[in-house]
């Protein structure tokens, strides 16, 4: 859904929190921190990360 797309600095239509814009991989993302909170590390599903040659893993 594009409820907050291009609404940077304006109120979220759902909760009224100010919409923020962040750039991820050179792409804009518009978010409402109240309606779209970050997941806690423990709540994320376990994923196996691939380590590319020449890079260090976690």
C-alpha atoms as a PDB file:
ATOM      1  CA  UNK A   1       0.000   0.000   0.000  1.00  0.00           C
ATOM      2  CA  UNK A   2       1.133   3.503  -0.710  1.00  0.00           C
ATOM      3  CA  UNK A   3      -0.600   5.258   2.189  1.00  0.00           C
ATOM      4  CA  UNK A   4       2.472   7.335   3.098  1.00  0.00           C
ATOM      5  CA  UNK A   5       4.320   7.460  -0.230  1.00  0.00           C
ATOM      6  CA  UNK A   6       5.611  10.990  -0.932  1.00  0.00           C
ATOM      7  CA  UNK A   7       4.132  12.280   2.327  1.00  0.00           C
ATOM      8  CA  UNK A   8       7.468  13.148   3.969  1.00  0.00           C
ATOM      9  CA  UNK A   9       6.906  15.557   6.858  1.00  0.00           C
ATOM     10  CA  UNK A  10       3.127  15.176   6.682  1.00  0.00           C
ATOM     11  CA  UNK A  11       0.877  13.298   9.072  1.00  0.00           C
ATOM     12  CA  UNK A  12       0.270   9.592   8.541  1.00  0.00           C
ATOM     13  CA  UNK A  13      -3.369   9.226   7.430  1.00  0.00           C
ATOM     14  CA  UNK A  14      -3.798   6.289   9.818  1.00  0.00           C
ATOM     15  CA  UNK A  15      -2.284   7.522  13.104  1.00  0.00           C
ATOM     16  CA  UNK A  16      -1.095  11.109  12.634  1.00  0.00           C
ATOM     17  CA  UNK A  17       2.621  10.421  13.220  1.00  0.00           C
ATOM     18  CA  UNK A  18       4.994  12.399  10.993  1.00  0.00           C
ATOM     19  CA  UNK A  19       6.064  10.418   7.925  1.00  0.00           C
ATOM     20  CA  UNK A  20       9.817  10.091   7.384  1.00  0.00           C
ATOM     21  CA  UNK A  21      11.821   9.271   4.285  1.00  0.00           C
ATOM     22  CA  UNK A  22      14.843   7.015   4.262  1.00  0.00           C
ATOM     23  CA  UNK A  23      17.069   5.943   1.400  1.00  0.00           C
ATOM     24  CA  UNK A  24      17.854   2.242   1.154  1.00  0.00           C
ATOM     25  CA  UNK A  25      20.033   0.993  -1.691  1.00  0.00           C
ATOM     26  CA  UNK A  26      19.577   4.309  -3.511  1.00  0.00           C
ATOM     27  CA  UNK A  27      15.778   3.947  -3.349  1.00  0.00           C
ATOM     28  CA  UNK A  28      13.431   6.118  -1.305  1.00  0.00           C
ATOM     29  CA  UNK A  29      11.237   4.551   1.343  1.00  0.00           C
ATOM     30  CA  UNK A  30       8.568   6.564   3.135  1.00  0.00           C
ATOM     31  CA  UNK A  31       7.629   5.197   6.541  1.00  0.00           C
ATOM     32  CA  UNK A  32       5.439   5.858   9.535  1.00  0.00           C
ATOM     33  CA  UNK A  33       7.497   4.825  12.568  1.00  0.00           C
ATOM     34  CA  UNK A  34       4.319   4.129  14.533  1.00  0.00           C
ATOM     35  CA  UNK A  35       2.503   1.965  11.971  1.00  0.00           C
ATOM     36  CA  UNK A  36       5.667   0.320  10.583  1.00  0.00           C
ATOM     37  CA  UNK A  37       7.992  -0.256  13.561  1.00  0.00           C
ATOM     38  CA  UNK A  38      11.332  -1.992  13.103  1.00  0.00           C
ATOM     39  CA  UNK A  39      11.339  -5.639  14.070  1.00  0.00           C
ATOM     40  CA  UNK A  40      13.358  -6.695  17.070  1.00  0.00           C
ATOM     41  CA  UNK A  41      16.298  -8.949  16.212  1.00  0.00           C
ATOM     42  CA  UNK A  42      14.689 -11.844  18.124  1.00  0.00           C
ATOM     43  CA  UNK A  43      11.427 -11.472  16.176  1.00  0.00           C
ATOM     44  CA  UNK A  44      13.090 -11.843  12.805  1.00  0.00           C
ATOM     45  CA  UNK A  45      13.037 -15.290  11.278  1.00  0.00           C
ATOM     46  CA  UNK A  46      16.363 -17.080  11.286  1.00  0.00           C
ATOM     47  CA  UNK A  47      18.060 -16.506   7.983  1.00  0.00           C
ATOM     48  CA  UNK A  48      21.317 -17.872   6.773  1.00  0.00           C
ATOM     49  CA  UNK A  49      23.539 -15.147   5.463  1.00  0.00           C
ATOM     50  CA  UNK A  50      25.732 -15.889   2.521  1.00  0.00           C
ATOM     51  CA  UNK A  51      29.295 -14.648   2.857  1.00  0.00           C
ATOM     52  CA  UNK A  52      30.871 -13.678  -0.425  1.00  0.00           C
ATOM     53  CA  UNK A  53      34.527 -14.500  -1.086  1.00  0.00           C
ATOM     54  CA  UNK A  54      36.763 -11.732   0.226  1.00  0.00           C
ATOM     55  CA  UNK A  55      34.174 -10.500   2.753  1.00  0.00           C
ATOM     56  CA  UNK A  56      33.922 -11.190   6.456  1.00  0.00           C
ATOM     57  CA  UNK A  57      30.850 -12.792   7.963  1.00  0.00           C
ATOM     58  CA  UNK A  58      29.188 -11.706  11.166  1.00  0.00           C
END
